[in-house]
N, C-alpha and C. Protein backbone atom coordinates (compact mmCIF):
# COMPACT_ATOMS: atom_id res chain seq x y z
N MET A 1 -61.38 -7.70 -5.02
CA MET A 1 -61.08 -8.74 -4.07
C MET A 1 -60.00 -8.23 -3.12
N SER A 2 -60.24 -8.36 -1.85
CA SER A 2 -59.27 -7.90 -0.87
C SER A 2 -58.29 -9.03 -0.55
N LEU A 3 -57.19 -8.64 0.05
CA LEU A 3 -56.22 -9.64 0.45
C LEU A 3 -56.78 -10.56 1.52
N ALA A 4 -57.69 -10.04 2.34
CA ALA A 4 -58.28 -10.87 3.40
C ALA A 4 -59.12 -12.00 2.82
N SER A 5 -59.77 -11.78 1.68
CA SER A 5 -60.60 -12.85 1.10
C SER A 5 -59.74 -13.99 0.55
N ILE A 6 -58.48 -13.70 0.29
CA ILE A 6 -57.58 -14.76 -0.18
C ILE A 6 -57.43 -15.83 0.89
N PHE A 7 -57.42 -15.41 2.16
CA PHE A 7 -57.32 -16.38 3.24
C PHE A 7 -58.55 -17.30 3.26
N ASN A 8 -59.73 -16.74 3.00
CA ASN A 8 -60.94 -17.56 2.96
C ASN A 8 -60.92 -18.55 1.80
N ILE A 9 -60.45 -18.09 0.65
CA ILE A 9 -60.40 -18.95 -0.53
C ILE A 9 -59.39 -20.08 -0.34
N ALA A 10 -58.19 -19.72 0.10
CA ALA A 10 -57.16 -20.74 0.33
C ALA A 10 -57.58 -21.69 1.46
N GLY A 11 -58.21 -21.16 2.48
CA GLY A 11 -58.68 -22.00 3.57
C GLY A 11 -59.73 -23.00 3.14
N SER A 12 -60.65 -22.57 2.27
CA SER A 12 -61.66 -23.50 1.78
C SER A 12 -61.02 -24.57 0.89
N GLY A 13 -59.98 -24.17 0.15
CA GLY A 13 -59.25 -25.15 -0.66
C GLY A 13 -58.53 -26.17 0.20
N MET A 14 -57.93 -25.70 1.30
CA MET A 14 -57.25 -26.62 2.21
C MET A 14 -58.24 -27.57 2.87
N SER A 15 -59.40 -27.06 3.23
CA SER A 15 -60.44 -27.90 3.83
C SER A 15 -60.92 -28.96 2.84
N ALA A 16 -61.12 -28.57 1.59
CA ALA A 16 -61.57 -29.51 0.56
C ALA A 16 -60.51 -30.59 0.31
N GLN A 17 -59.24 -30.20 0.28
CA GLN A 17 -58.18 -31.18 0.05
C GLN A 17 -58.03 -32.12 1.24
N THR A 18 -58.37 -31.65 2.43
CA THR A 18 -58.36 -32.53 3.60
C THR A 18 -59.42 -33.61 3.47
N VAL A 19 -60.60 -33.25 2.98
CA VAL A 19 -61.65 -34.23 2.73
C VAL A 19 -61.18 -35.22 1.68
N ARG A 20 -60.53 -34.72 0.65
CA ARG A 20 -60.03 -35.58 -0.43
C ARG A 20 -58.98 -36.55 0.10
N LEU A 21 -58.06 -36.07 0.95
CA LEU A 21 -57.05 -36.95 1.54
C LEU A 21 -57.68 -38.00 2.44
N ASN A 22 -58.71 -37.61 3.19
CA ASN A 22 -59.38 -38.58 4.06
C ASN A 22 -60.08 -39.68 3.27
N THR A 23 -60.70 -39.32 2.15
CA THR A 23 -61.37 -40.35 1.34
C THR A 23 -60.34 -41.27 0.68
N VAL A 24 -59.22 -40.71 0.26
CA VAL A 24 -58.15 -41.53 -0.32
C VAL A 24 -57.62 -42.51 0.73
N ALA A 25 -57.41 -42.02 1.95
CA ALA A 25 -56.92 -42.89 3.03
C ALA A 25 -57.92 -44.00 3.32
N SER A 26 -59.20 -43.67 3.32
CA SER A 26 -60.23 -44.68 3.54
C SER A 26 -60.24 -45.72 2.42
N ASN A 27 -60.08 -45.26 1.18
CA ASN A 27 -60.06 -46.18 0.04
C ASN A 27 -58.86 -47.12 0.12
N ILE A 28 -57.68 -46.58 0.42
CA ILE A 28 -56.48 -47.41 0.49
C ILE A 28 -56.59 -48.40 1.66
N ALA A 29 -57.13 -47.95 2.79
CA ALA A 29 -57.26 -48.83 3.95
C ALA A 29 -58.20 -50.00 3.67
N ASN A 30 -59.18 -49.81 2.81
CA ASN A 30 -60.15 -50.86 2.50
C ASN A 30 -59.90 -51.56 1.18
N ALA A 31 -58.74 -51.34 0.58
CA ALA A 31 -58.46 -51.88 -0.76
C ALA A 31 -58.47 -53.40 -0.80
N GLU A 32 -58.10 -54.04 0.27
CA GLU A 32 -58.03 -55.51 0.28
C GLU A 32 -59.09 -56.14 1.18
N SER A 33 -60.08 -55.37 1.59
CA SER A 33 -61.15 -55.96 2.39
C SER A 33 -62.04 -56.79 1.47
N VAL A 34 -62.55 -57.88 1.99
CA VAL A 34 -63.34 -58.80 1.17
C VAL A 34 -64.72 -58.99 1.78
N SER A 35 -65.61 -59.49 0.95
CA SER A 35 -66.97 -59.78 1.39
C SER A 35 -67.52 -60.93 0.56
N SER A 36 -68.56 -61.55 1.08
CA SER A 36 -69.17 -62.66 0.35
C SER A 36 -70.33 -62.22 -0.53
N SER A 37 -70.71 -60.93 -0.44
CA SER A 37 -71.81 -60.45 -1.29
C SER A 37 -71.45 -59.09 -1.88
N VAL A 38 -72.08 -58.76 -2.96
CA VAL A 38 -71.84 -57.49 -3.64
C VAL A 38 -72.32 -56.32 -2.77
N ASP A 39 -73.41 -56.50 -2.07
CA ASP A 39 -74.00 -55.42 -1.27
C ASP A 39 -73.14 -55.03 -0.07
N GLN A 40 -72.38 -55.96 0.49
CA GLN A 40 -71.58 -55.69 1.68
C GLN A 40 -70.14 -55.29 1.37
N THR A 41 -69.75 -55.33 0.11
CA THR A 41 -68.38 -55.02 -0.27
C THR A 41 -68.15 -53.51 -0.29
N TYR A 42 -67.00 -53.11 0.20
CA TYR A 42 -66.63 -51.69 0.22
C TYR A 42 -66.51 -51.19 -1.22
N ARG A 43 -67.02 -50.00 -1.46
CA ARG A 43 -66.87 -49.35 -2.76
C ARG A 43 -66.04 -48.08 -2.57
N ALA A 44 -65.21 -47.80 -3.57
CA ALA A 44 -64.35 -46.61 -3.51
C ALA A 44 -65.23 -45.37 -3.40
N ARG A 45 -64.74 -44.40 -2.65
CA ARG A 45 -65.47 -43.15 -2.44
C ARG A 45 -64.66 -42.00 -3.01
N HIS A 46 -65.39 -41.00 -3.56
CA HIS A 46 -64.75 -39.83 -4.16
C HIS A 46 -65.53 -38.58 -3.77
N PRO A 47 -64.82 -37.51 -3.36
CA PRO A 47 -65.52 -36.27 -3.00
C PRO A 47 -65.95 -35.49 -4.25
N LEU A 48 -67.05 -34.76 -4.13
CA LEU A 48 -67.51 -33.87 -5.19
C LEU A 48 -67.30 -32.43 -4.74
N PHE A 49 -66.60 -31.65 -5.56
CA PHE A 49 -66.32 -30.26 -5.24
C PHE A 49 -67.14 -29.34 -6.12
N SER A 50 -67.39 -28.14 -5.61
CA SER A 50 -68.11 -27.12 -6.36
C SER A 50 -67.46 -25.77 -6.07
N THR A 51 -67.43 -24.91 -7.07
CA THR A 51 -66.87 -23.57 -6.90
C THR A 51 -67.89 -22.66 -6.24
N LEU A 52 -67.44 -21.90 -5.28
CA LEU A 52 -68.27 -20.87 -4.66
C LEU A 52 -67.96 -19.56 -5.36
N TYR A 53 -68.99 -18.77 -5.66
CA TYR A 53 -68.79 -17.49 -6.31
C TYR A 53 -69.20 -16.37 -5.38
N GLN A 54 -68.55 -15.21 -5.55
CA GLN A 54 -68.92 -14.04 -4.77
C GLN A 54 -70.24 -13.51 -5.29
N GLU A 55 -71.09 -13.10 -4.37
CA GLU A 55 -72.39 -12.57 -4.77
C GLU A 55 -72.25 -11.10 -5.15
N GLY A 56 -72.97 -10.70 -6.19
CA GLY A 56 -73.03 -9.30 -6.57
C GLY A 56 -71.79 -8.77 -7.26
N THR A 57 -70.94 -9.62 -7.80
CA THR A 57 -69.73 -9.12 -8.46
C THR A 57 -69.91 -8.92 -9.95
N SER A 58 -70.97 -9.47 -10.52
CA SER A 58 -71.14 -9.31 -11.97
C SER A 58 -72.32 -8.40 -12.26
N GLN A 59 -72.09 -7.39 -13.07
CA GLN A 59 -73.13 -6.46 -13.50
C GLN A 59 -73.10 -6.43 -15.03
N GLY A 60 -74.23 -6.27 -15.64
CA GLY A 60 -74.25 -6.17 -17.09
C GLY A 60 -75.42 -6.93 -17.68
N SER A 61 -75.48 -6.90 -19.01
CA SER A 61 -76.58 -7.55 -19.70
C SER A 61 -76.28 -9.02 -19.91
N LEU A 62 -77.24 -9.72 -20.47
CA LEU A 62 -77.07 -11.14 -20.73
C LEU A 62 -76.05 -11.41 -21.84
N PHE A 63 -75.80 -10.39 -22.69
CA PHE A 63 -74.95 -10.61 -23.85
C PHE A 63 -73.50 -10.23 -23.59
N GLU A 64 -73.21 -9.63 -22.47
CA GLU A 64 -71.84 -9.29 -22.13
C GLU A 64 -71.19 -10.46 -21.41
N GLU A 65 -69.90 -10.62 -21.64
CA GLU A 65 -69.17 -11.64 -20.89
C GLU A 65 -68.98 -11.14 -19.48
N GLN A 66 -69.41 -11.92 -18.53
CA GLN A 66 -69.36 -11.50 -17.14
C GLN A 66 -68.23 -12.21 -16.42
N ASP A 67 -67.42 -11.45 -15.69
CA ASP A 67 -66.37 -12.02 -14.87
C ASP A 67 -66.89 -12.12 -13.45
N VAL A 68 -66.98 -13.32 -12.96
CA VAL A 68 -67.45 -13.55 -11.60
C VAL A 68 -66.28 -14.10 -10.81
N ALA A 69 -65.93 -13.41 -9.75
CA ALA A 69 -64.80 -13.84 -8.94
C ALA A 69 -65.19 -15.04 -8.09
N GLY A 70 -64.26 -15.96 -7.98
CA GLY A 70 -64.47 -17.12 -7.13
C GLY A 70 -64.31 -16.75 -5.67
N ALA A 71 -65.03 -17.44 -4.82
CA ALA A 71 -64.95 -17.19 -3.38
C ALA A 71 -64.48 -18.42 -2.63
N GLY A 72 -64.10 -19.45 -3.35
CA GLY A 72 -63.60 -20.65 -2.69
C GLY A 72 -64.18 -21.90 -3.30
N VAL A 73 -64.07 -22.96 -2.54
CA VAL A 73 -64.57 -24.25 -2.98
C VAL A 73 -65.35 -24.88 -1.83
N GLN A 74 -66.37 -25.65 -2.19
CA GLN A 74 -67.12 -26.36 -1.16
C GLN A 74 -67.22 -27.83 -1.54
N VAL A 75 -67.34 -28.66 -0.55
CA VAL A 75 -67.51 -30.09 -0.77
C VAL A 75 -69.00 -30.37 -0.78
N LEU A 76 -69.50 -30.83 -1.92
CA LEU A 76 -70.93 -31.14 -2.04
C LEU A 76 -71.27 -32.45 -1.36
N GLY A 77 -70.32 -33.35 -1.32
CA GLY A 77 -70.56 -34.65 -0.70
C GLY A 77 -69.53 -35.65 -1.15
N VAL A 78 -69.67 -36.85 -0.65
CA VAL A 78 -68.79 -37.95 -1.03
C VAL A 78 -69.67 -39.03 -1.63
N VAL A 79 -69.33 -39.47 -2.84
CA VAL A 79 -70.14 -40.46 -3.54
C VAL A 79 -69.36 -41.77 -3.69
N GLU A 80 -70.10 -42.85 -3.80
CA GLU A 80 -69.49 -44.16 -4.00
C GLU A 80 -69.31 -44.42 -5.49
N ASP A 81 -68.20 -45.02 -5.84
CA ASP A 81 -67.91 -45.40 -7.22
C ASP A 81 -68.78 -46.62 -7.57
N GLN A 82 -69.51 -46.53 -8.66
CA GLN A 82 -70.44 -47.60 -9.04
C GLN A 82 -69.85 -48.56 -10.07
N SER A 83 -68.54 -48.52 -10.27
CA SER A 83 -67.93 -49.46 -11.22
C SER A 83 -67.97 -50.88 -10.66
N GLU A 84 -67.70 -51.83 -11.52
CA GLU A 84 -67.81 -53.24 -11.15
C GLU A 84 -66.83 -53.63 -10.04
N LEU A 85 -67.29 -54.51 -9.16
CA LEU A 85 -66.43 -55.07 -8.14
C LEU A 85 -65.70 -56.28 -8.72
N GLU A 86 -64.59 -56.63 -8.11
CA GLU A 86 -63.82 -57.77 -8.59
C GLU A 86 -64.27 -59.02 -7.85
N ALA A 87 -64.77 -59.99 -8.59
CA ALA A 87 -65.18 -61.27 -8.01
C ALA A 87 -64.09 -62.29 -8.32
N ARG A 88 -63.55 -62.91 -7.28
CA ARG A 88 -62.51 -63.94 -7.44
C ARG A 88 -63.05 -65.26 -6.92
N TYR A 89 -62.71 -66.31 -7.66
CA TYR A 89 -63.10 -67.64 -7.24
C TYR A 89 -62.07 -68.17 -6.26
N GLU A 90 -62.42 -68.16 -4.97
CA GLU A 90 -61.55 -68.65 -3.90
C GLU A 90 -62.40 -69.48 -2.94
N PRO A 91 -62.69 -70.72 -3.29
CA PRO A 91 -63.61 -71.52 -2.47
C PRO A 91 -63.10 -71.82 -1.06
N ASN A 92 -61.80 -71.74 -0.83
CA ASN A 92 -61.25 -72.02 0.49
C ASN A 92 -61.17 -70.79 1.39
N HIS A 93 -61.53 -69.62 0.85
CA HIS A 93 -61.48 -68.38 1.65
C HIS A 93 -62.62 -68.40 2.67
N PRO A 94 -62.35 -67.97 3.91
CA PRO A 94 -63.41 -67.98 4.93
C PRO A 94 -64.61 -67.09 4.59
N ALA A 95 -64.42 -66.06 3.75
CA ALA A 95 -65.52 -65.15 3.41
C ALA A 95 -66.19 -65.52 2.09
N ALA A 96 -65.87 -66.67 1.53
CA ALA A 96 -66.45 -67.07 0.25
C ALA A 96 -67.94 -67.37 0.41
N ASN A 97 -68.71 -67.05 -0.65
CA ASN A 97 -70.14 -67.35 -0.64
C ASN A 97 -70.38 -68.80 -1.04
N ALA A 98 -71.63 -69.19 -1.23
CA ALA A 98 -71.97 -70.58 -1.53
C ALA A 98 -71.36 -71.06 -2.85
N GLU A 99 -71.18 -70.13 -3.80
CA GLU A 99 -70.58 -70.50 -5.09
C GLU A 99 -69.06 -70.49 -5.04
N GLY A 100 -68.47 -70.03 -3.94
CA GLY A 100 -67.01 -69.99 -3.80
C GLY A 100 -66.37 -68.68 -4.21
N TYR A 101 -67.18 -67.64 -4.40
CA TYR A 101 -66.64 -66.35 -4.84
C TYR A 101 -66.46 -65.39 -3.66
N VAL A 102 -65.41 -64.60 -3.75
CA VAL A 102 -65.13 -63.54 -2.79
C VAL A 102 -65.10 -62.25 -3.59
N TYR A 103 -65.73 -61.19 -3.06
CA TYR A 103 -65.79 -59.91 -3.76
C TYR A 103 -64.81 -58.92 -3.15
N TYR A 104 -63.99 -58.32 -4.03
CA TYR A 104 -63.00 -57.33 -3.62
C TYR A 104 -63.46 -55.93 -4.04
N PRO A 105 -63.06 -54.90 -3.30
CA PRO A 105 -63.48 -53.54 -3.63
C PRO A 105 -62.97 -53.08 -5.00
N ASN A 106 -63.62 -52.04 -5.52
CA ASN A 106 -63.22 -51.45 -6.81
C ASN A 106 -62.22 -50.32 -6.59
N VAL A 107 -61.26 -50.54 -5.72
CA VAL A 107 -60.23 -49.55 -5.40
C VAL A 107 -58.98 -49.87 -6.19
N ASN A 108 -58.51 -48.89 -6.96
CA ASN A 108 -57.24 -49.01 -7.67
C ASN A 108 -56.20 -48.25 -6.86
N VAL A 109 -55.30 -48.97 -6.22
CA VAL A 109 -54.36 -48.36 -5.29
C VAL A 109 -53.43 -47.38 -6.01
N VAL A 110 -53.06 -47.67 -7.25
CA VAL A 110 -52.17 -46.76 -8.00
C VAL A 110 -52.87 -45.42 -8.25
N GLU A 111 -54.13 -45.46 -8.66
CA GLU A 111 -54.88 -44.22 -8.86
C GLU A 111 -55.07 -43.47 -7.55
N GLU A 112 -55.29 -44.20 -6.48
CA GLU A 112 -55.47 -43.56 -5.18
C GLU A 112 -54.17 -42.88 -4.72
N MET A 113 -53.05 -43.50 -4.97
CA MET A 113 -51.77 -42.89 -4.60
C MET A 113 -51.52 -41.61 -5.41
N ALA A 114 -51.84 -41.65 -6.70
CA ALA A 114 -51.70 -40.45 -7.53
C ALA A 114 -52.64 -39.35 -7.04
N ASP A 115 -53.85 -39.72 -6.65
CA ASP A 115 -54.81 -38.76 -6.12
C ASP A 115 -54.33 -38.18 -4.79
N MET A 116 -53.68 -39.02 -3.98
CA MET A 116 -53.13 -38.57 -2.71
C MET A 116 -52.02 -37.54 -2.92
N ILE A 117 -51.14 -37.81 -3.87
CA ILE A 117 -50.05 -36.87 -4.17
C ILE A 117 -50.62 -35.55 -4.67
N SER A 118 -51.62 -35.63 -5.56
CA SER A 118 -52.24 -34.42 -6.08
C SER A 118 -52.92 -33.61 -4.98
N ALA A 119 -53.63 -34.28 -4.08
CA ALA A 119 -54.31 -33.58 -2.99
C ALA A 119 -53.32 -32.95 -2.03
N SER A 120 -52.23 -33.66 -1.72
CA SER A 120 -51.25 -33.09 -0.78
C SER A 120 -50.54 -31.90 -1.41
N ARG A 121 -50.28 -31.94 -2.70
CA ARG A 121 -49.64 -30.80 -3.36
C ARG A 121 -50.59 -29.61 -3.46
N SER A 122 -51.87 -29.88 -3.68
CA SER A 122 -52.85 -28.80 -3.70
C SER A 122 -52.97 -28.16 -2.32
N PHE A 123 -52.96 -28.98 -1.28
CA PHE A 123 -53.00 -28.46 0.08
C PHE A 123 -51.77 -27.59 0.34
N GLN A 124 -50.60 -28.08 -0.07
CA GLN A 124 -49.35 -27.34 0.11
C GLN A 124 -49.38 -26.02 -0.66
N THR A 125 -49.92 -26.01 -1.85
CA THR A 125 -50.02 -24.79 -2.65
C THR A 125 -50.91 -23.76 -1.95
N ASN A 126 -52.03 -24.20 -1.41
CA ASN A 126 -52.91 -23.29 -0.70
C ASN A 126 -52.24 -22.73 0.56
N ALA A 127 -51.44 -23.55 1.24
CA ALA A 127 -50.71 -23.06 2.41
C ALA A 127 -49.68 -22.01 1.99
N GLU A 128 -49.01 -22.23 0.87
CA GLU A 128 -48.04 -21.26 0.36
C GLU A 128 -48.72 -19.95 -0.05
N ILE A 129 -49.91 -20.05 -0.61
CA ILE A 129 -50.67 -18.85 -0.97
C ILE A 129 -50.97 -18.04 0.28
N MET A 130 -51.37 -18.71 1.35
CA MET A 130 -51.65 -18.01 2.60
C MET A 130 -50.39 -17.34 3.16
N ASN A 131 -49.25 -18.03 3.11
CA ASN A 131 -48.00 -17.45 3.61
C ASN A 131 -47.57 -16.25 2.78
N THR A 132 -47.70 -16.36 1.47
CA THR A 132 -47.33 -15.25 0.59
C THR A 132 -48.23 -14.04 0.82
N THR A 133 -49.52 -14.28 0.99
CA THR A 133 -50.46 -13.19 1.26
C THR A 133 -50.13 -12.52 2.59
N LYS A 134 -49.80 -13.31 3.58
CA LYS A 134 -49.42 -12.75 4.89
C LYS A 134 -48.18 -11.87 4.76
N GLN A 135 -47.20 -12.34 4.00
CA GLN A 135 -45.99 -11.54 3.79
C GLN A 135 -46.30 -10.25 3.05
N MET A 136 -47.20 -10.32 2.05
CA MET A 136 -47.58 -9.11 1.32
C MET A 136 -48.27 -8.11 2.23
N MET A 137 -49.12 -8.59 3.12
CA MET A 137 -49.81 -7.70 4.04
C MET A 137 -48.83 -7.06 5.03
N GLN A 138 -47.84 -7.82 5.46
CA GLN A 138 -46.82 -7.26 6.36
C GLN A 138 -45.98 -6.22 5.65
N LYS A 139 -45.65 -6.45 4.40
CA LYS A 139 -44.88 -5.48 3.63
C LYS A 139 -45.70 -4.21 3.40
N ALA A 140 -46.99 -4.39 3.15
CA ALA A 140 -47.85 -3.21 2.95
C ALA A 140 -47.93 -2.35 4.20
N LEU A 141 -47.89 -2.96 5.36
CA LEU A 141 -47.93 -2.21 6.61
C LEU A 141 -46.65 -1.41 6.85
N THR A 142 -45.55 -1.88 6.30
CA THR A 142 -44.26 -1.16 6.49
C THR A 142 -44.01 -0.11 5.42
N LEU A 143 -44.89 0.03 4.44
CA LEU A 143 -44.67 1.02 3.37
C LEU A 143 -44.68 2.44 3.90
N GLY A 144 -45.47 2.74 4.88
CA GLY A 144 -45.58 4.10 5.39
C GLY A 144 -44.44 4.52 6.31
N GLN A 145 -43.54 3.64 6.61
CA GLN A 145 -42.46 3.97 7.54
C GLN A 145 -41.32 4.68 6.85
């Protein structure tokens, strides 16, 4: 693995964490939105990540343990959380249905805040990895002087 590929790996991690932060922001923004039906109510969204592997890095038989170097992370998509929505009996609410129920999203703001902190720290770690790699490359260039 070259030092240049570290930039690609850290960059893909930063891109993935940006998607994660955007979905968290969307979830928090819609945490108190209401609807009169289950179908129209906002559902929490979560990104799905997958590891990218370098092609052609593993050689050997089926019985040997193979080390495959990672090449980054990719976002497979964003899925909706299928857990139960919260139905509250509020007959005086303007969005209440005929039975007097209002449906609230399945967003847990505390979990979303913890996810936001984790995503921002992961983004920061990837940025630090890029800075450290840049410094190492600069130091390597000055070795011949």
